[in-house]
């Protein structure tokens, strides 16, 4: 290998890595208008979980999503969600609901690999029938809930609606990244409006 070939190879390798390092070394800003655009386009849809950004933060990917859920007098069968590798943090924007969390999940069935939530949002996981010995939280605007990977979660009641920002912590990097350009394109085309 000549010096020129080695230098060219090194230059190409460094150039390919720059976008990854640049994303880690700079901040990511998401204006309120973009978050509200996601929320406003799904109002009235029973459930809409939308990824706004997913960023490589070095040792982990972090994603920001927004969720709208409509009125729910009682839980539907098989709606306990569990994510095996991704933890979530909810910050309630508005609305009220009761959320149950717990690790003892009854009747878990794995989601198929081609499920939208598995592919795009939170990686491998499943749905269960109920949670044994769970803890319930009455959520309202301003509240925050941490849900570690492997812990089931289920809305047992939603009074009228609930809207929240969701932060997904993805240390195994199982979900795809999503940048500002992809977010703007999704908003422009109206893609991925519901679960």
Protein backbone atom coordinates (compact mmCIF):
# COMPACT_ATOMS: atom_id res chain seq x y z
CA UNK A 1 0.00 0.00 0.00
CA UNK A 2 1.46 3.33 -1.01
CA UNK A 3 1.42 6.36 1.27
CA UNK A 4 -1.04 8.05 -1.07
CA UNK A 5 -3.43 5.05 -0.96
CA UNK A 6 -3.14 4.86 2.84
CA UNK A 7 -3.82 8.58 3.18
CA UNK A 8 -6.81 8.35 0.84
CA UNK A 9 -8.20 5.35 2.77
CA UNK A 10 -7.73 7.14 6.10
CA UNK A 11 -9.36 10.30 4.73
CA UNK A 12 -12.39 8.30 3.48
CA UNK A 13 -12.73 6.46 6.80
CA UNK A 14 -12.57 9.70 8.81
CA UNK A 15 -15.00 11.42 6.44
CA UNK A 16 -17.50 8.57 6.83
CA UNK A 17 -17.28 8.78 10.63
CA UNK A 18 -17.64 12.56 10.84
CA UNK A 19 -21.45 12.67 10.60
CA UNK A 20 -21.75 10.15 13.45
CA UNK A 21 -19.29 12.04 15.64
CA UNK A 22 -20.80 15.40 14.68
CA UNK A 23 -24.23 14.26 15.91
CA UNK A 24 -22.72 13.14 19.23
CA UNK A 25 -20.69 16.34 19.66
CA UNK A 26 -23.49 18.82 19.01
CA UNK A 27 -26.83 19.35 20.65
CA UNK A 28 -30.18 18.54 19.13
CA UNK A 29 -32.92 21.17 19.27
CA UNK A 30 -36.62 20.45 18.72
CA UNK A 31 -38.87 23.52 18.68
CA UNK A 32 -42.25 23.42 20.41
CA UNK A 33 -43.94 24.10 17.05
CA UNK A 34 -42.66 20.76 15.72
CA UNK A 35 -43.88 18.86 18.80
CA UNK A 36 -47.28 20.54 18.56
CA UNK A 37 -47.49 19.75 14.82
CA UNK A 38 -47.17 16.05 15.68
CA UNK A 39 -49.77 16.27 18.44
CA UNK A 40 -52.26 18.36 16.47
CA UNK A 41 -52.28 16.04 13.46
CA UNK A 42 -53.55 13.08 15.52
CA UNK A 43 -56.08 14.61 17.89
CA UNK A 44 -59.08 12.31 17.95
CA UNK A 45 -57.15 9.21 16.87
CA UNK A 46 -57.58 6.58 19.61
CA UNK A 47 -53.81 6.05 20.06
CA UNK A 48 -50.94 7.76 18.29
CA UNK A 49 -47.30 7.19 19.27
CA UNK A 50 -45.01 9.25 17.04
CA UNK A 51 -41.23 9.41 17.10
CA UNK A 52 -40.01 12.99 16.63
CA UNK A 53 -36.25 12.34 16.86
CA UNK A 54 -33.90 9.48 17.68
CA UNK A 55 -30.31 10.58 18.26
CA UNK A 56 -27.03 8.72 18.78
CA UNK A 57 -25.70 10.09 22.06
CA UNK A 58 -22.55 7.98 22.07
CA UNK A 59 -23.07 5.04 24.43
CA UNK A 60 -26.84 5.09 23.93
CA UNK A 61 -29.50 6.31 21.55
CA UNK A 62 -32.11 8.66 22.97
CA UNK A 63 -35.44 9.21 21.24
CA UNK A 64 -38.14 11.79 21.78
CA UNK A 65 -41.70 10.85 20.96
CA UNK A 66 -45.10 12.40 21.48
CA UNK A 67 -48.18 10.38 22.34
CA UNK A 68 -51.88 11.11 22.17
CA UNK A 69 -54.39 8.68 23.71
CA UNK A 70 -58.14 9.21 23.64
CA UNK A 71 -60.75 8.38 26.26
CA UNK A 72 -60.53 4.87 27.72
CA UNK A 73 -63.12 3.79 30.31
CA UNK A 74 -61.40 0.41 30.88
CA UNK A 75 -58.35 -1.38 29.44
CA UNK A 76 -58.72 -3.53 26.36
CA UNK A 77 -57.50 -7.16 26.53
CA UNK A 78 -53.85 -7.77 25.69
CA UNK A 79 -52.74 -4.15 26.02
CA UNK A 80 -50.06 -4.43 28.72
CA UNK A 81 -46.93 -3.27 26.91
CA UNK A 82 -43.39 -4.34 27.77
CA UNK A 83 -40.16 -3.35 26.02
CA UNK A 84 -37.23 -5.67 26.67
CA UNK A 85 -34.36 -3.29 25.86
CA UNK A 86 -35.74 0.26 25.87
CA UNK A 87 -36.68 2.29 28.96
CA UNK A 88 -39.19 5.15 28.78
CA UNK A 89 -39.83 8.41 30.61
CA UNK A 90 -43.22 10.13 30.24
CA UNK A 91 -43.80 13.84 30.89
CA UNK A 92 -47.52 14.57 30.86
CA UNK A 93 -48.49 17.66 28.83
CA UNK A 94 -52.23 17.59 29.49
CA UNK A 95 -55.13 15.29 30.31
CA UNK A 96 -55.56 12.75 33.11
CA UNK A 97 -55.23 8.99 33.25
CA UNK A 98 -54.44 6.04 35.49
CA UNK A 99 -51.30 4.10 34.53
CA UNK A 100 -50.38 0.75 36.09
CA UNK A 101 -46.77 -0.49 36.00
CA UNK A 102 -45.15 -3.72 37.17
CA UNK A 103 -42.77 -6.48 36.16
CA UNK A 104 -45.07 -9.49 36.81
CA UNK A 105 -46.94 -9.59 33.50
CA UNK A 106 -49.57 -12.26 32.87
CA UNK A 107 -49.82 -13.91 29.43
CA UNK A 108 -47.06 -12.09 27.57
CA UNK A 109 -47.00 -12.70 23.82
CA UNK A 110 -43.99 -11.42 21.90
CA UNK A 111 -44.62 -8.87 19.18
CA UNK A 112 -43.49 -9.99 15.72
CA UNK A 113 -40.26 -8.48 14.39
CA UNK A 114 -42.18 -6.64 11.65
CA UNK A 115 -44.48 -4.86 14.14
CA UNK A 116 -44.23 -1.04 13.73
CA UNK A 117 -43.43 -0.51 17.43
CA UNK A 118 -40.65 -3.12 17.30
CA UNK A 119 -39.13 -1.76 14.08
CA UNK A 120 -39.51 1.99 14.61
CA UNK A 121 -40.09 2.86 18.28
CA UNK A 122 -38.89 0.59 21.06
CA UNK A 123 -37.44 -2.66 19.76
CA UNK A 124 -38.27 -6.18 20.96
CA UNK A 125 -41.15 -6.52 23.38
CA UNK A 126 -44.58 -7.95 23.89
CA UNK A 127 -48.12 -7.49 25.09
CA UNK A 128 -49.67 -9.11 28.13
CA UNK A 129 -53.14 -9.58 29.57
CA UNK A 130 -52.60 -8.03 33.02
CA UNK A 131 -50.04 -7.02 35.65
CA UNK A 132 -49.89 -8.84 38.99
CA UNK A 133 -49.04 -6.70 42.03
CA UNK A 134 -48.71 -3.57 39.90
CA UNK A 135 -48.55 0.00 41.12
CA UNK A 136 -51.04 2.55 39.77
CA UNK A 137 -50.38 6.25 39.24
CA UNK A 138 -53.04 8.91 38.66
CA UNK A 139 -51.34 11.07 36.03
CA UNK A 140 -52.00 14.75 35.36
CA UNK A 141 -50.25 17.62 33.59
CA UNK A 142 -46.67 18.08 34.78
CA UNK A 143 -46.23 14.54 36.17
CA UNK A 144 -43.27 12.37 35.15
CA UNK A 145 -43.09 8.56 35.16
CA UNK A 146 -39.98 6.39 34.64
CA UNK A 147 -40.59 2.92 33.16
CA UNK A 148 -37.47 0.71 33.05
CA UNK A 149 -36.98 -1.85 30.28
CA UNK A 150 -38.75 -5.08 31.22
CA UNK A 151 -41.50 -3.37 33.23
CA UNK A 152 -45.04 -3.70 31.93
CA UNK A 153 -47.29 -0.66 31.63
CA UNK A 154 -51.01 -0.35 31.04
CA UNK A 155 -53.47 2.52 31.00
CA UNK A 156 -56.43 1.32 33.08
CA UNK A 157 -58.42 4.53 32.54
CA UNK A 158 -58.12 7.73 30.50
CA UNK A 159 -60.70 10.33 31.50
CA UNK A 160 -60.97 12.28 28.22
CA UNK A 161 -57.49 12.16 26.67
CA UNK A 162 -53.84 12.32 27.65
CA UNK A 163 -50.93 13.83 25.74
CA UNK A 164 -47.32 13.36 26.75
CA UNK A 165 -43.73 13.62 25.69
CA UNK A 166 -41.90 10.32 25.83
CA UNK A 167 -38.13 9.94 26.12
CA UNK A 168 -36.86 6.52 25.08
CA UNK A 169 -33.47 5.36 26.36
CA UNK A 170 -32.04 2.79 23.96
CA UNK A 171 -28.60 1.57 25.17
CA UNK A 172 -28.56 -1.36 22.71
CA UNK A 173 -29.46 0.92 19.79
CA UNK A 174 -32.28 -1.36 18.61
CA UNK A 175 -34.49 1.37 17.11
CA UNK A 176 -33.50 3.42 14.05
CA UNK A 177 -32.21 6.98 14.24
CA UNK A 178 -34.40 9.83 13.03
CA UNK A 179 -33.04 13.27 12.21
CA UNK A 180 -34.67 16.65 11.63
CA UNK A 181 -34.98 16.12 7.87
CA UNK A 182 -36.83 12.80 8.36
CA UNK A 183 -39.12 14.42 10.93
CA UNK A 184 -39.99 17.31 8.61
CA UNK A 185 -40.65 14.88 5.75
CA UNK A 186 -42.98 12.81 7.95
CA UNK A 187 -44.92 15.91 8.95
CA UNK A 188 -45.07 17.06 5.31
CA UNK A 189 -46.34 13.74 3.95
CA UNK A 190 -48.56 12.79 6.90
CA UNK A 191 -46.91 9.37 7.29
CA UNK A 192 -46.98 7.30 10.52
CA UNK A 193 -49.95 9.04 12.14
CA UNK A 194 -51.08 6.17 14.33
CA UNK A 195 -49.86 3.08 16.06
